[in-house]
Amino acid sequence: MLKAIINIFSRELKSVAKDVNIISLIILAPVFYSLFYGSMYINKVERELPVVVLDNDRSETSKSLLRRINAHQIIDIIENVPDYK
């Protein structure tokens, strides 16, 4: 049984190695995708993203954390809601 699986695997591997289209799909496509995908976002910068916070704890630690988060240039906490309603 194991020998049959190995034979099938080797036969399919040889078949794939002979087909240029499959090789380009398996090897070249991911390489190009990884190189060009990040270039779409190279000049995109988010600033002051509005965020609503639900702070059930309302402790000094959570208030301090929210102040630190709000101090970041990307995030702008616009509201602190008391519950989910």
Protein backbone atom coordinates (compact mmCIF):
# COMPACT_ATOMS: atom_id res chain seq x y z
CA MET A 1 0.00 0.00 0.00
CA LEU A 2 2.77 2.45 0.95
CA LYS A 3 4.76 1.52 -2.14
CA ALA A 4 1.74 2.26 -4.34
CA ILE A 5 1.32 5.69 -2.75
CA ILE A 6 5.03 6.44 -3.27
CA ASN A 7 4.78 5.35 -6.91
CA ILE A 8 1.76 7.57 -7.50
CA PHE A 9 3.46 10.49 -5.76
CA SER A 10 6.64 10.13 -7.83
CA ARG A 11 4.65 9.75 -11.07
CA GLU A 12 2.66 12.92 -10.34
CA LEU A 13 5.80 14.80 -9.31
CA LYS A 14 7.43 13.91 -12.64
CA SER A 15 4.28 15.00 -14.46
CA VAL A 16 4.25 18.35 -12.65
CA ALA A 17 7.97 18.89 -13.31
CA LYS A 18 7.41 18.55 -17.05
CA ASP A 19 4.56 21.09 -17.22
CA VAL A 20 5.80 24.69 -17.32
CA ASN A 21 2.36 26.13 -16.55
CA ILE A 22 2.07 24.22 -13.31
CA ILE A 23 5.61 25.13 -12.26
CA SER A 24 4.92 28.80 -12.87
CA LEU A 25 1.68 28.56 -10.93
CA ILE A 26 3.26 26.79 -7.97
CA ILE A 27 6.58 28.64 -7.79
CA LEU A 28 6.54 31.91 -9.73
CA ALA A 29 3.04 33.15 -8.91
CA PRO A 30 3.58 33.24 -5.12
CA VAL A 31 6.92 34.99 -5.57
CA PHE A 32 5.45 37.73 -7.77
CA TYR A 33 2.40 38.01 -5.55
CA SER A 34 4.51 38.52 -2.44
CA LEU A 35 6.64 41.16 -4.16
CA PHE A 36 3.83 43.22 -5.68
CA TYR A 37 1.11 42.91 -3.03
CA GLY A 38 2.90 45.17 -0.57
CA SER A 39 3.58 47.82 -3.20
CA MET A 40 -0.12 48.71 -3.35
CA TYR A 41 0.00 49.93 0.26
CA ILE A 42 3.38 51.67 0.22
CA ASN A 43 1.96 55.21 0.26
CA LYS A 44 -1.19 54.47 2.27
CA VAL A 45 -1.08 55.89 5.78
CA GLU A 46 -4.06 55.94 8.10
CA ARG A 47 -4.38 58.84 10.53
CA GLU A 48 -6.95 59.57 13.24
CA LEU A 49 -9.04 56.47 12.72
CA PRO A 50 -12.27 56.99 14.70
CA VAL A 51 -12.80 54.38 17.42
CA VAL A 52 -15.65 53.86 19.90
CA VAL A 53 -14.64 52.19 23.17
CA LEU A 54 -16.74 50.10 25.53
CA ASP A 55 -15.05 50.23 28.92
CA ASN A 56 -16.89 47.97 31.34
CA ASP A 57 -14.09 48.10 33.90
CA ARG A 58 -13.86 51.90 34.27
CA SER A 59 -10.81 51.52 36.49
CA GLU A 60 -7.81 53.81 36.60
CA THR A 61 -5.82 51.22 34.68
CA SER A 62 -8.30 51.09 31.82
CA LYS A 63 -8.55 54.90 31.75
CA SER A 64 -4.77 55.12 31.60
CA LEU A 65 -4.71 52.58 28.79
CA LEU A 66 -7.34 54.52 26.84
CA ARG A 67 -5.37 57.76 27.27
CA ARG A 68 -2.27 56.07 25.92
CA ILE A 69 -4.17 54.59 22.98
CA ASN A 70 -5.77 57.94 22.20
CA ALA A 71 -2.34 59.64 22.26
CA HIS A 72 -1.29 57.61 19.24
CA GLN A 73 -1.56 59.46 15.92
CA ILE A 74 -3.41 56.65 14.17
CA ILE A 75 -6.29 56.27 16.65
CA ASP A 76 -8.84 58.87 17.71
CA ILE A 77 -11.23 57.70 20.44
CA ILE A 78 -14.41 59.60 19.65
CA GLU A 79 -16.68 58.11 22.30
CA ASN A 80 -16.63 55.94 25.40
CA VAL A 81 -19.97 54.15 25.58
CA PRO A 82 -21.34 52.65 28.82
CA ASP A 83 -22.96 49.55 27.26
CA TYR A 84 -23.81 47.80 23.99
CA LYS A 85 -27.10 49.66 23.42
